[in-house]
Amino acid sequence: MNDATASAALAEQGRQEYERGAFLAAAKLFDQAAQAYRDAGDPLNAAEMKNNQSVALLQGGKAGDALQATEGTEEIFANAGDLKRQGISISNRAAALEGM
């Protein structure tokens, strides 16, 4: 299994756990997917996974951890000119702050 396939598999497992309501398990898988994407040289998908992790952590009642998960993602998307995901990152940070 190559890096991209492993990353995508972890992301899919995270989505499945999230859909089941196992938010903290999903958060862990999204974190692993983010690391796998970073290792594969894909910072945009890594940042996407950190944002997914943030949402899962917030749903799991871990607002402080949710905020921490988004650290740096806004800048990654801004540097790539990805305004949509930059906005989502800002929104996730705001939701985490509100949850705190």
N, C-alpha and C. Protein backbone atom coordinates (compact mmCIF):
# COMPACT_ATOMS: atom_id res chain seq x y z
N MET A 1 0.86 -1.18 0.00
CA MET A 1 0.00 0.00 0.00
C MET A 1 0.90 1.24 0.00
N ASN A 2 0.74 2.10 -0.99
CA ASN A 2 1.57 3.31 -1.04
C ASN A 2 1.05 4.36 -0.07
N ASP A 3 1.82 5.44 0.07
CA ASP A 3 1.48 6.48 1.04
C ASP A 3 0.11 7.09 0.78
N ALA A 4 -0.18 7.38 -0.49
CA ALA A 4 -1.47 8.00 -0.83
C ALA A 4 -2.62 7.06 -0.50
N THR A 5 -2.45 5.78 -0.80
CA THR A 5 -3.50 4.80 -0.51
C THR A 5 -3.69 4.65 1.00
N ALA A 6 -2.60 4.61 1.75
CA ALA A 6 -2.67 4.49 3.21
C ALA A 6 -3.36 5.71 3.80
N SER A 7 -3.01 6.89 3.31
CA SER A 7 -3.62 8.12 3.80
C SER A 7 -5.12 8.12 3.56
N ALA A 8 -5.50 7.77 2.34
CA ALA A 8 -6.92 7.74 1.98
C ALA A 8 -7.68 6.70 2.79
N ALA A 9 -7.04 5.56 3.06
CA ALA A 9 -7.69 4.51 3.85
C ALA A 9 -7.94 4.99 5.28
N LEU A 10 -6.95 5.65 5.86
CA LEU A 10 -7.13 6.19 7.22
C LEU A 10 -8.22 7.25 7.24
N ALA A 11 -8.25 8.10 6.22
CA ALA A 11 -9.28 9.14 6.15
C ALA A 11 -10.67 8.50 6.05
N GLU A 12 -10.79 7.47 5.25
CA GLU A 12 -12.08 6.79 5.09
C GLU A 12 -12.50 6.12 6.40
N GLN A 13 -11.57 5.49 7.08
CA GLN A 13 -11.88 4.87 8.38
C GLN A 13 -12.36 5.94 9.36
N GLY A 14 -11.70 7.10 9.34
CA GLY A 14 -12.12 8.20 10.20
C GLY A 14 -13.53 8.65 9.89
N ARG A 15 -13.85 8.77 8.60
CA ARG A 15 -15.21 9.16 8.21
C ARG A 15 -16.24 8.15 8.69
N GLN A 16 -15.90 6.87 8.58
CA GLN A 16 -16.82 5.83 9.03
C GLN A 16 -17.06 5.90 10.53
N GLU A 17 -16.00 6.09 11.28
CA GLU A 17 -16.14 6.21 12.74
C GLU A 17 -16.97 7.46 13.09
N TYR A 18 -16.73 8.54 12.39
CA TYR A 18 -17.48 9.77 12.64
C TYR A 18 -18.97 9.54 12.39
N GLU A 19 -19.28 8.89 11.28
CA GLU A 19 -20.69 8.62 10.95
C GLU A 19 -21.35 7.72 11.99
N ARG A 20 -20.58 6.84 12.62
CA ARG A 20 -21.11 5.96 13.68
C ARG A 20 -21.28 6.70 15.00
N GLY A 21 -20.73 7.91 15.07
CA GLY A 21 -20.80 8.67 16.32
C GLY A 21 -19.65 8.40 17.25
N ALA A 22 -18.64 7.69 16.76
CA ALA A 22 -17.44 7.41 17.56
C ALA A 22 -16.45 8.54 17.30
N PHE A 23 -16.75 9.72 17.85
CA PHE A 23 -16.02 10.93 17.49
C PHE A 23 -14.55 10.91 17.89
N LEU A 24 -14.25 10.40 19.06
CA LEU A 24 -12.85 10.41 19.50
C LEU A 24 -12.02 9.40 18.72
N ALA A 25 -12.62 8.27 18.37
CA ALA A 25 -11.93 7.30 17.51
C ALA A 25 -11.70 7.91 16.13
N ALA A 26 -12.70 8.62 15.63
CA ALA A 26 -12.56 9.29 14.33
C ALA A 26 -11.45 10.33 14.39
N ALA A 27 -11.39 11.09 15.47
CA ALA A 27 -10.37 12.12 15.61
C ALA A 27 -8.97 11.51 15.55
N LYS A 28 -8.79 10.38 16.20
CA LYS A 28 -7.49 9.71 16.19
C LYS A 28 -7.13 9.27 14.78
N LEU A 29 -8.09 8.72 14.06
CA LEU A 29 -7.83 8.28 12.68
C LEU A 29 -7.54 9.46 11.77
N PHE A 30 -8.26 10.57 11.94
CA PHE A 30 -7.99 11.76 11.13
C PHE A 30 -6.59 12.29 11.42
N ASP A 31 -6.15 12.23 12.68
CA ASP A 31 -4.80 12.66 13.02
C ASP A 31 -3.77 11.76 12.33
N GLN A 32 -4.01 10.46 12.34
CA GLN A 32 -3.11 9.52 11.67
C GLN A 32 -3.09 9.78 10.16
N ALA A 33 -4.25 10.07 9.59
CA ALA A 33 -4.33 10.37 8.16
C ALA A 33 -3.55 11.65 7.85
N ALA A 34 -3.67 12.65 8.72
CA ALA A 34 -2.94 13.90 8.53
C ALA A 34 -1.44 13.64 8.51
N GLN A 35 -0.96 12.83 9.43
CA GLN A 35 0.47 12.51 9.47
C GLN A 35 0.88 11.75 8.21
N ALA A 36 0.04 10.82 7.77
CA ALA A 36 0.36 10.06 6.56
C ALA A 36 0.42 10.98 5.34
N TYR A 37 -0.52 11.93 5.24
CA TYR A 37 -0.48 12.88 4.14
C TYR A 37 0.77 13.77 4.21
N ARG A 38 1.13 14.21 5.43
CA ARG A 38 2.36 15.00 5.59
C ARG A 38 3.57 14.21 5.12
N ASP A 39 3.62 12.94 5.53
CA ASP A 39 4.74 12.08 5.15
C ASP A 39 4.80 11.88 3.64
N ALA A 40 3.64 11.94 2.99
CA ALA A 40 3.57 11.76 1.53
C ALA A 40 3.79 13.07 0.79
N GLY A 41 4.04 14.15 1.54
CA GLY A 41 4.29 15.44 0.90
C GLY A 41 3.04 16.13 0.40
N ASP A 42 1.91 15.91 1.08
CA ASP A 42 0.62 16.48 0.67
C ASP A 42 0.07 17.35 1.81
N PRO A 43 0.59 18.59 1.94
CA PRO A 43 0.17 19.42 3.07
C PRO A 43 -1.30 19.86 3.01
N LEU A 44 -1.87 19.98 1.83
CA LEU A 44 -3.28 20.40 1.76
C LEU A 44 -4.21 19.34 2.32
N ASN A 45 -4.01 18.08 1.92
CA ASN A 45 -4.86 17.03 2.48
C ASN A 45 -4.54 16.79 3.95
N ALA A 46 -3.30 17.00 4.35
CA ALA A 46 -2.96 16.89 5.78
C ALA A 46 -3.75 17.93 6.57
N ALA A 47 -3.78 19.16 6.07
CA ALA A 47 -4.54 20.22 6.75
C ALA A 47 -6.03 19.92 6.76
N GLU A 48 -6.52 19.35 5.68
CA GLU A 48 -7.93 18.95 5.62
C GLU A 48 -8.23 17.93 6.72
N MET A 49 -7.34 16.97 6.90
CA MET A 49 -7.54 15.94 7.94
C MET A 49 -7.49 16.56 9.34
N LYS A 50 -6.62 17.56 9.55
CA LYS A 50 -6.57 18.23 10.85
C LYS A 50 -7.88 18.96 11.11
N ASN A 51 -8.48 19.52 10.07
CA ASN A 51 -9.78 20.16 10.25
C ASN A 51 -10.86 19.13 10.54
N ASN A 52 -10.79 17.98 9.88
CA ASN A 52 -11.74 16.91 10.19
C ASN A 52 -11.56 16.45 11.63
N GLN A 53 -10.30 16.35 12.06
CA GLN A 53 -10.01 15.97 13.44
C GLN A 53 -10.63 16.98 14.40
N SER A 54 -10.50 18.25 14.06
CA SER A 54 -11.05 19.30 14.91
C SER A 54 -12.56 19.15 15.08
N VAL A 55 -13.25 18.91 13.99
CA VAL A 55 -14.71 18.74 14.05
C VAL A 55 -15.07 17.53 14.92
N ALA A 56 -14.34 16.44 14.73
CA ALA A 56 -14.61 15.23 15.52
C ALA A 56 -14.34 15.46 17.01
N LEU A 57 -13.25 16.15 17.30
CA LEU A 57 -12.93 16.45 18.71
C LEU A 57 -13.99 17.34 19.33
N LEU A 58 -14.44 18.32 18.59
CA LEU A 58 -15.48 19.20 19.11
C LEU A 58 -16.75 18.42 19.39
N GLN A 59 -17.11 17.53 18.48
CA GLN A 59 -18.30 16.67 18.70
C GLN A 59 -18.10 15.75 19.90
N GLY A 60 -16.83 15.39 20.15
CA GLY A 60 -16.52 14.52 21.29
C GLY A 60 -16.33 15.26 22.59
N GLY A 61 -16.61 16.57 22.59
CA GLY A 61 -16.53 17.35 23.82
C GLY A 61 -15.14 17.84 24.18
N LYS A 62 -14.24 17.86 23.22
CA LYS A 62 -12.85 18.26 23.48
C LYS A 62 -12.55 19.56 22.72
N ALA A 63 -13.17 20.66 23.13
CA ALA A 63 -13.05 21.93 22.40
C ALA A 63 -11.61 22.45 22.36
N GLY A 64 -10.89 22.34 23.46
CA GLY A 64 -9.51 22.81 23.49
C GLY A 64 -8.63 22.03 22.53
N ASP A 65 -8.80 20.72 22.49
CA ASP A 65 -8.05 19.89 21.55
C ASP A 65 -8.47 20.20 20.12
N ALA A 66 -9.76 20.50 19.93
CA ALA A 66 -10.27 20.84 18.60
C ALA A 66 -9.59 22.11 18.08
N LEU A 67 -9.44 23.08 18.95
CA LEU A 67 -8.76 24.32 18.56
C LEU A 67 -7.31 24.03 18.20
N GLN A 68 -6.65 23.26 19.02
CA GLN A 68 -5.24 22.93 18.79
C GLN A 68 -5.06 22.19 17.47
N ALA A 69 -6.00 21.32 17.10
CA ALA A 69 -5.89 20.53 15.87
C ALA A 69 -5.84 21.41 14.63
N THR A 70 -6.47 22.59 14.71
CA THR A 70 -6.52 23.46 13.52
C THR A 70 -5.31 24.38 13.40
N GLU A 71 -4.41 24.36 14.37
CA GLU A 71 -3.25 25.25 14.34
C GLU A 71 -2.51 25.14 13.01
N GLY A 72 -2.36 26.27 12.33
CA GLY A 72 -1.59 26.33 11.10
C GLY A 72 -2.35 25.98 9.83
N THR A 73 -3.54 25.41 9.95
CA THR A 73 -4.25 24.99 8.74
C THR A 73 -4.73 26.18 7.92
N GLU A 74 -5.15 27.22 8.59
CA GLU A 74 -5.62 28.41 7.88
C GLU A 74 -4.52 28.95 6.95
N GLU A 75 -3.30 29.00 7.46
CA GLU A 75 -2.18 29.51 6.68
C GLU A 75 -1.83 28.60 5.51
N ILE A 76 -1.93 27.30 5.72
CA ILE A 76 -1.64 26.36 4.63
C ILE A 76 -2.60 26.59 3.47
N PHE A 77 -3.89 26.73 3.80
CA PHE A 77 -4.87 26.95 2.75
C PHE A 77 -4.70 28.34 2.12
N ALA A 78 -4.39 29.35 2.93
CA ALA A 78 -4.18 30.71 2.41
C ALA A 78 -3.01 30.73 1.43
N ASN A 79 -1.91 30.08 1.81
CA ASN A 79 -0.73 30.04 0.94
C ASN A 79 -0.99 29.32 -0.37
N ALA A 80 -1.94 28.38 -0.34
CA ALA A 80 -2.29 27.63 -1.56
C ALA A 80 -3.36 28.34 -2.37
N GLY A 81 -3.90 29.45 -1.84
CA GLY A 81 -4.97 30.17 -2.54
C GLY A 81 -6.30 29.45 -2.48
N ASP A 82 -6.46 28.55 -1.51
CA ASP A 82 -7.69 27.77 -1.35
C ASP A 82 -8.60 28.50 -0.35
N LEU A 83 -9.33 29.47 -0.87
CA LEU A 83 -10.15 30.31 0.00
C LEU A 83 -11.28 29.54 0.68
N LYS A 84 -11.85 28.57 -0.02
CA LYS A 84 -12.95 27.80 0.56
C LYS A 84 -12.48 27.05 1.81
N ARG A 85 -11.40 26.30 1.67
CA ARG A 85 -10.93 25.54 2.83
C ARG A 85 -10.32 26.44 3.89
N GLN A 86 -9.79 27.58 3.49
CA GLN A 86 -9.31 28.56 4.47
C GLN A 86 -10.49 29.03 5.32
N GLY A 87 -11.59 29.33 4.68
CA GLY A 87 -12.79 29.76 5.39
C GLY A 87 -13.32 28.69 6.32
N ILE A 88 -13.30 27.45 5.86
CA ILE A 88 -13.75 26.34 6.70
C ILE A 88 -12.85 26.22 7.93
N SER A 89 -11.56 26.39 7.73
CA SER A 89 -10.62 26.33 8.85
C SER A 89 -10.91 27.42 9.88
N ILE A 90 -11.16 28.62 9.39
CA ILE A 90 -11.50 29.74 10.30
C ILE A 90 -12.78 29.42 11.05
N SER A 91 -13.75 28.88 10.35
CA SER A 91 -15.02 28.52 10.98
C SER A 91 -14.82 27.43 12.04
N ASN A 92 -13.98 26.45 11.74
CA ASN A 92 -13.71 25.39 12.72
C ASN A 92 -13.04 25.96 13.96
N ARG A 93 -12.10 26.88 13.77
CA ARG A 93 -11.44 27.50 14.91
C ARG A 93 -12.45 28.28 15.75
N ALA A 94 -13.34 29.01 15.07
CA ALA A 94 -14.36 29.78 15.79
C ALA A 94 -15.28 28.86 16.58
N ALA A 95 -15.67 27.73 15.98
CA ALA A 95 -16.55 26.79 16.67
C ALA A 95 -15.85 26.22 17.91
N ALA A 96 -14.56 25.93 17.78
CA ALA A 96 -13.82 25.41 18.93
C ALA A 96 -13.71 26.46 20.03
N LEU A 97 -13.44 27.68 19.65
CA LEU A 97 -13.38 28.76 20.66
C LEU A 97 -14.73 28.94 21.35
N GLU A 98 -15.78 28.87 20.56
CA GLU A 98 -17.12 29.01 21.15
C GLU A 98 -17.40 27.85 22.09
N GLY A 99 -16.93 26.67 21.74
CA GLY A 99 -17.14 25.48 22.58
C GLY A 99 -16.38 25.53 23.89
N MET A 100 -15.34 26.37 23.92
CA MET A 100 -14.54 26.48 25.13
C MET A 100 -15.24 27.40 26.10
